[in-house]
Amino acid sequence: MQWWICLSYDLVCQYLPNLLTRITGQCFPGLVEEVLTRFCELEGNIGQVHILPHIGQCKALYSFGHTLGCGGSCRDNVKSPWAKTKCAGGILKQMNHGLCHDVLDFLLNDWN
């Protein structure tokens, strides 16, 4: 089974290089070696709008256009449904787990 995660974050150039040392040293010192190797396989990208002020090295390493399997993704449109979910947040936090999932599926079904 292929395990592949592409992390999208506007400061991934600062976050990803030190992620493994932060996880092993500070948060979870007894983490299993297999889990640590999976963290090494994480890929990170910066969205199209957020990458503009970054230096050339960041643009070369962390652009969605240079990542295999991610070049045609929406990039910054990942955040598009936030407006809908933020409006629904007040009612969602009062629901039980199952109903909350059903309502989120109903609200975001056309975004998928």
PDB file of N, CA and C in Angstrom:
ATOM      1  N   MET A   1       0.838  -1.185   0.000  1.00  0.00           N
ATOM      2  CA  MET A   1       0.000   0.000   0.000  1.00  0.00           C
ATOM      3  C   MET A   1       0.883   1.250   0.000  1.00  0.00           C
ATOM      4  N   GLN A   2       0.556   2.191  -0.848  1.00  0.00           N
ATOM      5  CA  GLN A   2       1.318   3.426  -0.932  1.00  0.00           C
ATOM      6  C   GLN A   2       0.798   4.415   0.096  1.00  0.00           C
ATOM      7  N   TRP A   3       1.705   5.004   0.823  1.00  0.00           N
ATOM      8  CA  TRP A   3       1.361   5.971   1.852  1.00  0.00           C
ATOM      9  C   TRP A   3       1.953   7.303   1.429  1.00  0.00           C
ATOM     10  N   TRP A   4       1.121   8.257   1.067  1.00  0.00           N
ATOM     11  CA  TRP A   4       1.627   9.519   0.547  1.00  0.00           C
ATOM     12  C   TRP A   4       0.751  10.653   1.039  1.00  0.00           C
ATOM     13  N   ILE A   5       1.372  11.607   1.679  1.00  0.00           N
ATOM     14  CA  ILE A   5       0.644  12.777   2.162  1.00  0.00           C
ATOM     15  C   ILE A   5       1.376  14.016   1.675  1.00  0.00           C
ATOM     16  N   CYS A   6       0.620  14.931   1.097  1.00  0.00           N
ATOM     17  CA  CYS A   6       1.170  16.211   0.670  1.00  0.00           C
ATOM     18  C   CYS A   6       0.561  17.287   1.557  1.00  0.00           C
ATOM     19  N   LEU A   7       1.386  17.918   2.343  1.00  0.00           N
ATOM     20  CA  LEU A   7       0.967  18.932   3.293  1.00  0.00           C
ATOM     21  C   LEU A   7       0.977  20.296   2.615  1.00  0.00           C
ATOM     22  N   SER A   8      -0.104  21.037   2.739  1.00  0.00           N
ATOM     23  CA  SER A   8      -0.181  22.374   2.161  1.00  0.00           C
ATOM     24  C   SER A   8      -0.232  23.391   3.297  1.00  0.00           C
ATOM     25  N   TYR A   9       0.774  24.250   3.354  1.00  0.00           N
ATOM     26  CA  TYR A   9       0.880  25.224   4.437  1.00  0.00           C
ATOM     27  C   TYR A   9       1.724  26.383   3.928  1.00  0.00           C
ATOM     28  N   ASP A  10       1.370  27.608   4.287  1.00  0.00           N
ATOM     29  CA  ASP A  10       2.083  28.759   3.730  1.00  0.00           C
ATOM     30  C   ASP A  10       3.501  28.929   4.284  1.00  0.00           C
ATOM     31  N   LEU A  11       3.839  28.287   5.388  1.00  0.00           N
ATOM     32  CA  LEU A  11       5.200  28.350   5.922  1.00  0.00           C
ATOM     33  C   LEU A  11       5.835  26.963   5.994  1.00  0.00           C
ATOM     34  N   VAL A  12       5.486  26.104   5.049  1.00  0.00           N
ATOM     35  CA  VAL A  12       6.000  24.735   5.064  1.00  0.00           C
ATOM     36  C   VAL A  12       7.519  24.709   4.900  1.00  0.00           C
ATOM     37  N   CYS A  13       8.089  25.736   4.303  1.00  0.00           N
ATOM     38  CA  CYS A  13       9.540  25.805   4.126  1.00  0.00           C
ATOM     39  C   CYS A  13      10.256  25.934   5.469  1.00  0.00           C
ATOM     40  N   GLN A  14       9.594  26.482   6.474  1.00  0.00           N
ATOM     41  CA  GLN A  14      10.168  26.585   7.817  1.00  0.00           C
ATOM     42  C   GLN A  14       9.704  25.434   8.705  1.00  0.00           C
ATOM     43  N   TYR A  15       8.517  24.959   8.462  1.00  0.00           N
ATOM     44  CA  TYR A  15       7.892  23.950   9.322  1.00  0.00           C
ATOM     45  C   TYR A  15       8.403  22.538   9.051  1.00  0.00           C
ATOM     46  N   LEU A  16       8.453  22.140   7.797  1.00  0.00           N
ATOM     47  CA  LEU A  16       8.769  20.761   7.434  1.00  0.00           C
ATOM     48  C   LEU A  16      10.212  20.336   7.725  1.00  0.00           C
ATOM     49  N   PRO A  17      11.230  21.162   7.446  1.00  0.00           N
ATOM     50  CA  PRO A  17      12.603  20.703   7.693  1.00  0.00           C
ATOM     51  C   PRO A  17      12.887  20.325   9.151  1.00  0.00           C
ATOM     52  N   ASN A  18      12.233  20.959  10.104  1.00  0.00           N
ATOM     53  CA  ASN A  18      12.488  20.673  11.512  1.00  0.00           C
ATOM     54  C   ASN A  18      11.394  19.842  12.168  1.00  0.00           C
ATOM     55  N   LEU A  19      10.447  19.351  11.393  1.00  0.00           N
ATOM     56  CA  LEU A  19       9.317  18.615  11.954  1.00  0.00           C
ATOM     57  C   LEU A  19       9.757  17.362  12.700  1.00  0.00           C
ATOM     58  N   LEU A  20      10.648  16.599  12.107  1.00  0.00           N
ATOM     59  CA  LEU A  20      11.075  15.346  12.717  1.00  0.00           C
ATOM     60  C   LEU A  20      11.792  15.582  14.048  1.00  0.00           C
ATOM     61  N   THR A  21      12.656  16.584  14.114  1.00  0.00           N
ATOM     62  CA  THR A  21      13.347  16.860  15.380  1.00  0.00           C
ATOM     63  C   THR A  21      12.384  17.363  16.444  1.00  0.00           C
ATOM     64  N   ARG A  22      11.389  18.137  16.042  1.00  0.00           N
ATOM     65  CA  ARG A  22      10.395  18.601  17.010  1.00  0.00           C
ATOM     66  C   ARG A  22       9.581  17.441  17.565  1.00  0.00           C
ATOM     67  N   ILE A  23       9.185  16.532  16.687  1.00  0.00           N
ATOM     68  CA  ILE A  23       8.350  15.406  17.112  1.00  0.00           C
ATOM     69  C   ILE A  23       9.128  14.471  18.033  1.00  0.00           C
ATOM     70  N   THR A  24      10.340  14.109  17.652  1.00  0.00           N
ATOM     71  CA  THR A  24      11.102  13.145  18.450  1.00  0.00           C
ATOM     72  C   THR A  24      11.631  13.754  19.737  1.00  0.00           C
ATOM     73  N   GLY A  25      12.101  14.978  19.686  1.00  0.00           N
ATOM     74  CA  GLY A  25      12.721  15.576  20.858  1.00  0.00           C
ATOM     75  C   GLY A  25      11.758  16.119  21.885  1.00  0.00           C
ATOM     76  N   GLN A  26      10.722  16.800  21.450  1.00  0.00           N
ATOM     77  CA  GLN A  26       9.865  17.515  22.384  1.00  0.00           C
ATOM     78  C   GLN A  26       8.568  16.784  22.695  1.00  0.00           C
ATOM     79  N   CYS A  27       7.870  16.353  21.678  1.00  0.00           N
ATOM     80  CA  CYS A  27       6.501  15.854  21.879  1.00  0.00           C
ATOM     81  C   CYS A  27       6.431  14.367  22.197  1.00  0.00           C
ATOM     82  N   PHE A  28       7.034  13.550  21.359  1.00  0.00           N
ATOM     83  CA  PHE A  28       6.883  12.099  21.470  1.00  0.00           C
ATOM     84  C   PHE A  28       8.248  11.418  21.427  1.00  0.00           C
ATOM     85  N   PRO A  29       9.021  11.459  22.510  1.00  0.00           N
ATOM     86  CA  PRO A  29      10.371  10.884  22.466  1.00  0.00           C
ATOM     87  C   PRO A  29      10.400   9.367  22.263  1.00  0.00           C
ATOM     88  N   GLY A  30       9.344   8.637  22.609  1.00  0.00           N
ATOM     89  CA  GLY A  30       9.347   7.183  22.480  1.00  0.00           C
ATOM     90  C   GLY A  30       8.635   6.666  21.249  1.00  0.00           C
ATOM     91  N   LEU A  31       8.567   7.457  20.196  1.00  0.00           N
ATOM     92  CA  LEU A  31       7.836   7.076  18.988  1.00  0.00           C
ATOM     93  C   LEU A  31       8.519   5.912  18.269  1.00  0.00           C
ATOM     94  N   VAL A  32       7.728   5.025  17.717  1.00  0.00           N
ATOM     95  CA  VAL A  32       8.236   3.839  17.023  1.00  0.00           C
ATOM     96  C   VAL A  32       8.965   4.263  15.742  1.00  0.00           C
ATOM     97  N   GLU A  33      10.025   3.529  15.406  1.00  0.00           N
ATOM     98  CA  GLU A  33      10.852   3.859  14.236  1.00  0.00           C
ATOM     99  C   GLU A  33      10.057   3.850  12.929  1.00  0.00           C
ATOM    100  N   GLU A  34       9.094   2.934  12.800  1.00  0.00           N
ATOM    101  CA  GLU A  34       8.289   2.858  11.576  1.00  0.00           C
ATOM    102  C   GLU A  34       7.479   4.136  11.367  1.00  0.00           C
ATOM    103  N   VAL A  35       6.961   4.683  12.449  1.00  0.00           N
ATOM    104  CA  VAL A  35       6.192   5.928  12.364  1.00  0.00           C
ATOM    105  C   VAL A  35       7.113   7.079  11.975  1.00  0.00           C
ATOM    106  N   LEU A  36       8.317   7.094  12.520  1.00  0.00           N
ATOM    107  CA  LEU A  36       9.270   8.162  12.191  1.00  0.00           C
ATOM    108  C   LEU A  36       9.664   8.136  10.718  1.00  0.00           C
ATOM    109  N   THR A  37       9.819   6.948  10.150  1.00  0.00           N
ATOM    110  CA  THR A  37      10.161   6.883   8.725  1.00  0.00           C
ATOM    111  C   THR A  37       9.015   7.396   7.865  1.00  0.00           C
ATOM    112  N   ARG A  38       7.784   7.215   8.325  1.00  0.00           N
ATOM    113  CA  ARG A  38       6.629   7.749   7.593  1.00  0.00           C
ATOM    114  C   ARG A  38       6.639   9.275   7.611  1.00  0.00           C
ATOM    115  N   PHE A  39       7.032   9.869   8.723  1.00  0.00           N
ATOM    116  CA  PHE A  39       7.110  11.326   8.795  1.00  0.00           C
ATOM    117  C   PHE A  39       8.168  11.866   7.841  1.00  0.00           C
ATOM    118  N   CYS A  40       9.228  11.102   7.597  1.00  0.00           N
ATOM    119  CA  CYS A  40      10.270  11.528   6.657  1.00  0.00           C
ATOM    120  C   CYS A  40       9.754  11.565   5.224  1.00  0.00           C
ATOM    121  N   GLU A  41       8.688  10.802   4.942  1.00  0.00           N
ATOM    122  CA  GLU A  41       8.136  10.733   3.591  1.00  0.00           C
ATOM    123  C   GLU A  41       7.130  11.839   3.297  1.00  0.00           C
ATOM    124  N   LEU A  42       6.812  12.673   4.280  1.00  0.00           N
ATOM    125  CA  LEU A  42       5.861  13.766   4.057  1.00  0.00           C
ATOM    126  C   LEU A  42       6.398  14.735   3.014  1.00  0.00           C
ATOM    127  N   GLU A  43       5.524  15.186   2.155  1.00  0.00           N
ATOM    128  CA  GLU A  43       5.877  16.229   1.195  1.00  0.00           C
ATOM    129  C   GLU A  43       5.115  17.484   1.570  1.00  0.00           C
ATOM    130  N   GLY A  44       5.713  18.619   1.339  1.00  0.00           N
ATOM    131  CA  GLY A  44       5.053  19.872   1.668  1.00  0.00           C
ATOM    132  C   GLY A  44       5.058  20.833   0.501  1.00  0.00           C
ATOM    133  N   ASN A  45       4.009  21.609   0.409  1.00  0.00           N
ATOM    134  CA  ASN A  45       3.887  22.608  -0.646  1.00  0.00           C
ATOM    135  C   ASN A  45       3.306  23.894  -0.091  1.00  0.00           C
ATOM    136  N   ILE A  46       3.584  24.968  -0.795  1.00  0.00           N
ATOM    137  CA  ILE A  46       3.039  26.277  -0.443  1.00  0.00           C
ATOM    138  C   ILE A  46       2.078  26.670  -1.558  1.00  0.00           C
ATOM    139  N   GLY A  47       0.918  27.174  -1.187  1.00  0.00           N
ATOM    140  CA  GLY A  47      -0.095  27.558  -2.165  1.00  0.00           C
ATOM    141  C   GLY A  47       0.379  28.644  -3.116  1.00  0.00           C
ATOM    142  N   GLN A  48      -0.261  28.732  -4.235  1.00  0.00           N
ATOM    143  CA  GLN A  48       0.131  29.620  -5.332  1.00  0.00           C
ATOM    144  C   GLN A  48       0.204  31.089  -4.912  1.00  0.00           C
ATOM    145  N   VAL A  49      -0.753  31.548  -4.143  1.00  0.00           N
ATOM    146  CA  VAL A  49      -0.758  32.956  -3.723  1.00  0.00           C
ATOM    147  C   VAL A  49       0.275  33.203  -2.630  1.00  0.00           C
ATOM    148  N   HIS A  50       0.408  32.249  -1.704  1.00  0.00           N
ATOM    149  CA  HIS A  50       1.307  32.427  -0.568  1.00  0.00           C
ATOM    150  C   HIS A  50       2.779  32.281  -0.935  1.00  0.00           C
ATOM    151  N   ILE A  51       3.085  31.642  -2.058  1.00  0.00           N
ATOM    152  CA  ILE A  51       4.484  31.407  -2.416  1.00  0.00           C
ATOM    153  C   ILE A  51       5.135  32.633  -3.078  1.00  0.00           C
ATOM    154  N   LEU A  52       4.341  33.579  -3.518  1.00  0.00           N
ATOM    155  CA  LEU A  52       4.875  34.747  -4.240  1.00  0.00           C
ATOM    156  C   LEU A  52       5.965  35.512  -3.477  1.00  0.00           C
ATOM    157  N   PRO A  53       5.805  35.825  -2.189  1.00  0.00           N
ATOM    158  CA  PRO A  53       6.866  36.572  -1.505  1.00  0.00           C
ATOM    159  C   PRO A  53       8.059  35.721  -1.058  1.00  0.00           C
ATOM    160  N   HIS A  54       8.029  34.420  -1.261  1.00  0.00           N
ATOM    161  CA  HIS A  54       9.123  33.546  -0.831  1.00  0.00           C
ATOM    162  C   HIS A  54      10.323  33.676  -1.761  1.00  0.00           C
ATOM    163  N   ILE A  55      11.489  33.249  -1.265  1.00  0.00           N
ATOM    164  CA  ILE A  55      12.711  33.297  -2.075  1.00  0.00           C
ATOM    165  C   ILE A  55      12.669  32.209  -3.148  1.00  0.00           C
ATOM    166  N   GLY A  56      13.579  32.289  -4.101  1.00  0.00           N
ATOM    167  CA  GLY A  56      13.596  31.355  -5.225  1.00  0.00           C
ATOM    168  C   GLY A  56      13.745  29.899  -4.821  1.00  0.00           C
ATOM    169  N   GLN A  57      14.540  29.641  -3.778  1.00  0.00           N
ATOM    170  CA  GLN A  57      14.736  28.263  -3.326  1.00  0.00           C
ATOM    171  C   GLN A  57      13.421  27.656  -2.825  1.00  0.00           C
ATOM    172  N   CYS A  58      12.634  28.443  -2.099  1.00  0.00           N
ATOM    173  CA  CYS A  58      11.323  27.965  -1.625  1.00  0.00           C
ATOM    174  C   CYS A  58      10.400  27.680  -2.806  1.00  0.00           C
ATOM    175  N   LYS A  59      10.432  28.566  -3.796  1.00  0.00           N
ATOM    176  CA  LYS A  59       9.578  28.375  -4.973  1.00  0.00           C
ATOM    177  C   LYS A  59       9.957  27.104  -5.718  1.00  0.00           C
ATOM    178  N   ALA A  60      11.247  26.806  -5.793  1.00  0.00           N
ATOM    179  CA  ALA A  60      11.705  25.606  -6.498  1.00  0.00           C
ATOM    180  C   ALA A  60      11.370  24.332  -5.730  1.00  0.00           C
ATOM    181  N   LEU A  61      11.496  24.366  -4.413  1.00  0.00           N
ATOM    182  CA  LEU A  61      11.294  23.161  -3.609  1.00  0.00           C
ATOM    183  C   LEU A  61       9.842  22.899  -3.238  1.00  0.00           C
ATOM    184  N   TYR A  62       9.065  23.966  -3.020  1.00  0.00           N
ATOM    185  CA  TYR A  62       7.749  23.797  -2.409  1.00  0.00           C
ATOM    186  C   TYR A  62       6.579  24.267  -3.274  1.00  0.00           C
ATOM    187  N   SER A  63       6.786  24.445  -4.557  1.00  0.00           N
ATOM    188  CA  SER A  63       5.697  24.846  -5.442  1.00  0.00           C
ATOM    189  C   SER A  63       4.857  23.631  -5.825  1.00  0.00           C
ATOM    190  N   PHE A  64       3.538  23.794  -5.849  1.00  0.00           N
ATOM    191  CA  PHE A  64       2.654  22.707  -6.273  1.00  0.00           C
ATOM    192  C   PHE A  64       2.952  22.281  -7.707  1.00  0.00           C
ATOM    193  N   GLY A  65       3.375  23.224  -8.536  1.00  0.00           N
ATOM    194  CA  GLY A  65       3.655  22.924  -9.933  1.00  0.00           C
ATOM    195  C   GLY A  65       4.842  22.004 -10.136  1.00  0.00           C
ATOM    196  N   HIS A  66       5.725  21.899  -9.129  1.00  0.00           N
ATOM    197  CA  HIS A  66       6.912  21.053  -9.234  1.00  0.00           C
ATOM    198  C   HIS A  66       6.750  19.720  -8.518  1.00  0.00           C
ATOM    199  N   THR A  67       5.579  19.445  -7.981  1.00  0.00           N
ATOM    200  CA  THR A  67       5.363  18.224  -7.208  1.00  0.00           C
ATOM    201  C   THR A  67       4.557  17.226  -8.026  1.00  0.00           C
ATOM    202  N   LEU A  68       5.097  16.040  -8.178  1.00  0.00           N
ATOM    203  CA  LEU A  68       4.439  14.981  -8.933  1.00  0.00           C
ATOM    204  C   LEU A  68       3.103  14.627  -8.286  1.00  0.00           C
ATOM    205  N   GLY A  69       2.041  14.677  -9.066  1.00  0.00           N
ATOM    206  CA  GLY A  69       0.723  14.328  -8.570  1.00  0.00           C
ATOM    207  C   GLY A  69      -0.058  15.481  -7.969  1.00  0.00           C
ATOM    208  N   CYS A  70       0.562  16.645  -7.850  1.00  0.00           N
ATOM    209  CA  CYS A  70      -0.118  17.799  -7.247  1.00  0.00           C
ATOM    210  C   CYS A  70      -0.216  18.988  -8.184  1.00  0.00           C
ATOM    211  N   GLY A  71       0.431  18.937  -9.322  1.00  0.00           N
ATOM    212  CA  GLY A  71       0.498  20.088 -10.211  1.00  0.00           C
ATOM    213  C   GLY A  71      -0.838  20.608 -10.684  1.00  0.00           C
ATOM    214  N   GLY A  72      -1.826  19.743 -10.834  1.00  0.00           N
ATOM    215  CA  GLY A  72      -3.130  20.169 -11.309  1.00  0.00           C
ATOM    216  C   GLY A  72      -4.132  20.430 -10.207  1.00  0.00           C
ATOM    217  N   SER A  73      -3.676  20.444  -8.955  1.00  0.00           N
ATOM    218  CA  SER A  73      -4.620  20.649  -7.851  1.00  0.00           C
ATOM    219  C   SER A  73      -5.008  22.119  -7.745  1.00  0.00           C
ATOM    220  N   CYS A  74      -6.039  22.377  -6.997  1.00  0.00           N
ATOM    221  CA  CYS A  74      -6.592  23.724  -6.871  1.00  0.00           C
ATOM    222  C   CYS A  74      -5.674  24.703  -6.154  1.00  0.00           C
ATOM    223  N   ARG A  75      -4.736  24.237  -5.437  1.00  0.00           N
ATOM    224  CA  ARG A  75      -3.787  25.045  -4.670  1.00  0.00           C
ATOM    225  C   ARG A  75      -4.487  25.832  -3.581  1.00  0.00           C
ATOM    226  N   ASP A  76      -4.658  27.118  -3.725  1.00  0.00           N
ATOM    227  CA  ASP A  76      -5.222  27.925  -2.648  1.00  0.00           C
ATOM    228  C   ASP A  76      -6.724  27.767  -2.491  1.00  0.00           C
ATOM    229  N   ASN A  77      -7.368  27.081  -3.386  1.00  0.00           N
ATOM    230  CA  ASN A  77      -8.803  26.842  -3.234  1.00  0.00           C
ATOM    231  C   ASN A  77      -9.110  25.766  -2.208  1.00  0.00           C
ATOM    232  N   VAL A  78      -8.073  25.226  -1.570  1.00  0.00           N
ATOM    233  CA  VAL A  78      -8.273  24.259  -0.496  1.00  0.00           C
ATOM    234  C   VAL A  78      -9.078  24.907   0.624  1.00  0.00           C
ATOM    235  N   LYS A  79      -8.912  26.207   0.794  1.00  0.00           N
ATOM    236  CA  LYS A  79      -9.587  26.934   1.872  1.00  0.00           C
ATOM    237  C   LYS A  79     -10.999  27.391   1.515  1.00  0.00           C
ATOM    238  N   SER A  80     -11.441  27.158   0.306  1.00  0.00           N
ATOM    239  CA  SER A  80     -12.734  27.670  -0.149  1.00  0.00           C
ATOM    240  C   SER A  80     -13.922  27.319   0.734  1.00  0.00           C
ATOM    241  N   PRO A  81     -14.059  26.077   1.200  1.00  0.00           N
ATOM    242  CA  PRO A  81     -15.255  25.754   1.993  1.00  0.00           C
ATOM    243  C   PRO A  81     -15.233  26.286   3.421  1.00  0.00           C
ATOM    244  N   TRP A  82     -14.182  26.971   3.827  1.00  0.00           N
ATOM    245  CA  TRP A  82     -14.102  27.461   5.205  1.00  0.00           C
ATOM    246  C   TRP A  82     -15.245  28.401   5.548  1.00  0.00           C
ATOM    247  N   ALA A  83     -15.671  29.220   4.621  1.00  0.00           N
ATOM    248  CA  ALA A  83     -16.762  30.161   4.904  1.00  0.00           C
ATOM    249  C   ALA A  83     -18.036  29.411   5.278  1.00  0.00           C
ATOM    250  N   LYS A  84     -18.317  28.341   4.544  1.00  0.00           N
ATOM    251  CA  LYS A  84     -19.502  27.534   4.848  1.00  0.00           C
ATOM    252  C   LYS A  84     -19.386  26.846   6.200  1.00  0.00           C
ATOM    253  N   THR A  85     -18.237  26.250   6.464  1.00  0.00           N
ATOM    254  CA  THR A  85     -18.084  25.510   7.714  1.00  0.00           C
ATOM    255  C   THR A  85     -18.019  26.439   8.917  1.00  0.00           C
ATOM    256  N   LYS A  86     -17.469  27.634   8.747  1.00  0.00           N
ATOM    257  CA  LYS A  86     -17.410  28.585   9.862  1.00  0.00           C
ATOM    258  C   LYS A  86     -18.816  29.034  10.258  1.00  0.00           C
ATOM    259  N   CYS A  87     -19.669  29.267   9.287  1.00  0.00           N
ATOM    260  CA  CYS A  87     -21.053  29.654   9.583  1.00  0.00           C
ATOM    261  C   CYS A  87     -21.798  28.530  10.294  1.00  0.00           C
ATOM    262  N   ALA A  88     -21.485  27.299   9.949  1.00  0.00           N
ATOM    263  CA  ALA A  88     -22.174  26.155  10.551  1.00  0.00           C
ATOM    264  C   ALA A  88     -21.570  25.749  11.894  1.00  0.00           C
ATOM    265  N   GLY A  89     -20.440  26.322  12.255  1.00  0.00           N
ATOM    266  CA  GLY A  89     -19.735  25.917  13.472  1.00  0.00           C
ATOM    267  C   GLY A  89     -20.551  26.005  14.742  1.00  0.00           C
ATOM    268  N   GLY A  90     -21.369  27.036  14.876  1.00  0.00           N
ATOM    269  CA  GLY A  90     -22.176  27.201  16.080  1.00  0.00           C
ATOM    270  C   GLY A  90     -23.148  26.066  16.314  1.00  0.00           C
ATOM    271  N   ILE A  91     -23.774  25.611  15.245  1.00  0.00           N
ATOM    272  CA  ILE A  91     -24.733  24.511  15.401  1.00  0.00           C
ATOM    273  C   ILE A  91     -24.014  23.169  15.466  1.00  0.00           C
ATOM    274  N   LEU A  92     -22.916  23.037  14.728  1.00  0.00           N
ATOM    275  CA  LEU A  92     -22.212  21.755  14.685  1.00  0.00           C
ATOM    276  C   LEU A  92     -21.651  21.358  16.045  1.00  0.00           C
ATOM    277  N   LYS A  93     -21.172  22.323  16.823  1.00  0.00           N
ATOM    278  CA  LYS A  93     -20.569  21.963  18.106  1.00  0.00           C
ATOM    279  C   LYS A  93     -21.599  21.476  19.123  1.00  0.00           C
ATOM    280  N   GLN A  94     -22.884  21.699  18.858  1.00  0.00           N
ATOM    281  CA  GLN A  94     -23.932  21.236  19.760  1.00  0.00           C
ATOM    282  C   GLN A  94     -24.468  19.859  19.363  1.00  0.00           C
ATOM    283  N   MET A  95     -24.018  19.327  18.228  1.00  0.00           N
ATOM    284  CA  MET A  95     -24.527  18.044  17.722  1.00  0.00           C
ATOM    285  C   MET A  95     -23.659  16.887  18.207  1.00  0.00           C
ATOM    286  N   ASN A  96     -24.260  15.686  18.172  1.00  0.00           N
ATOM    287  CA  ASN A  96     -23.451  14.502  18.466  1.00  0.00           C
ATOM    288  C   ASN A  96     -22.583  14.181  17.248  1.00  0.00           C
ATOM    289  N   HIS A  97     -21.673  13.243  17.444  1.00  0.00           N
ATOM    290  CA  HIS A  97     -20.664  12.941  16.430  1.00  0.00           C
ATOM    291  C   HIS A  97     -21.274  12.524  15.082  1.00  0.00           C
ATOM    292  N   GLY A  98     -22.236  11.630  15.111  1.00  0.00           N
ATOM    293  CA  GLY A  98     -22.841  11.125  13.870  1.00  0.00           C
ATOM    294  C   GLY A  98     -23.604  12.186  13.103  1.00  0.00           C
ATOM    295  N   LEU A  99     -24.412  12.958  13.809  1.00  0.00           N
ATOM    296  CA  LEU A  99     -25.192  14.010  13.159  1.00  0.00           C
ATOM    297  C   LEU A  99     -24.279  15.097  12.599  1.00  0.00           C
ATOM    298  N   CYS A 100     -23.226  15.409  13.328  1.00  0.00           N
ATOM    299  CA  CYS A 100     -22.261  16.413  12.859  1.00  0.00           C
ATOM    300  C   CYS A 100     -21.658  15.986  11.517  1.00  0.00           C
ATOM    301  N   HIS A 101     -21.274  14.718  11.408  1.00  0.00           N
ATOM    302  CA  HIS A 101     -20.722  14.214  10.143  1.00  0.00           C
ATOM    303  C   HIS A 101     -21.753  14.267   9.021  1.00  0.00           C
ATOM    304  N   ASP A 102     -22.988  13.916   9.335  1.00  0.00           N
ATOM    305  CA  ASP A 102     -24.043  13.955   8.316  1.00  0.00           C
ATOM    306  C   ASP A 102     -24.278  15.371   7.805  1.00  0.00           C
ATOM    307  N   VAL A 103     -24.308  16.339   8.713  1.00  0.00           N
ATOM    308  CA  VAL A 103     -24.534  17.734   8.319  1.00  0.00           C
ATOM    309  C   VAL A 103     -23.351  18.257   7.508  1.00  0.00           C
ATOM    310  N   LEU A 104     -22.122  17.927   7.921  1.00  0.00           N
ATOM    311  CA  LEU A 104     -20.947  18.348   7.152  1.00  0.00           C
ATOM    312  C   LEU A 104     -20.952  17.727   5.757  1.00  0.00           C
ATOM    313  N   ASP A 105     -21.331  16.461   5.664  1.00  0.00           N
ATOM    314  CA  ASP A 105     -21.446  15.822   4.345  1.00  0.00           C
ATOM    315  C   ASP A 105     -22.465  16.549   3.476  1.00  0.00           C
ATOM    316  N   PHE A 106     -23.584  16.924   4.070  1.00  0.00           N
ATOM    317  CA  PHE A 106     -24.626  17.627   3.330  1.00  0.00           C
ATOM    318  C   PHE A 106     -24.137  19.005   2.870  1.00  0.00           C
ATOM    319  N   LEU A 107     -23.472  19.740   3.768  1.00  0.00           N
ATOM    320  CA  LEU A 107     -23.006  21.092   3.436  1.00  0.00           C
ATOM    321  C   LEU A 107     -21.892  21.094   2.392  1.00  0.00           C
ATOM    322  N   LEU A 108     -20.986  20.126   2.489  1.00  0.00           N
ATOM    323  CA  LEU A 108     -19.785  20.150   1.655  1.00  0.00           C
ATOM    324  C   LEU A 108     -19.819  19.158   0.497  1.00  0.00           C
ATOM    325  N   ASN A 109     -20.949  18.531   0.272  1.00  0.00           N
ATOM    326  CA  ASN A 109     -21.033  17.504  -0.762  1.00  0.00           C
ATOM    327  C   ASN A 109     -20.674  18.039  -2.146  1.00  0.00           C
ATOM    328  N   ASP A 110     -21.053  19.253  -2.459  1.00  0.00           N
ATOM    329  CA  ASP A 110     -20.759  19.807  -3.783  1.00  0.00           C
ATOM    330  C   ASP A 110     -19.320  20.310  -3.908  1.00  0.00           C
ATOM    331  N   TRP A 111     -18.573  20.388  -2.810  1.00  0.00           N
ATOM    332  CA  TRP A 111     -17.178  20.829  -2.863  1.00  0.00           C
ATOM    333  C   TRP A 111     -16.240  19.695  -3.230  1.00  0.00           C
ATOM    334  N   ASN A 112     -16.686  18.479  -3.084  1.00  0.00           N
ATOM    335  CA  ASN A 112     -15.806  17.336  -3.263  1.00  0.00           C
ATOM    336  C   ASN A 112     -15.634  16.976  -4.723  1.00  0.00           C
TER     337      ASN A 112
END
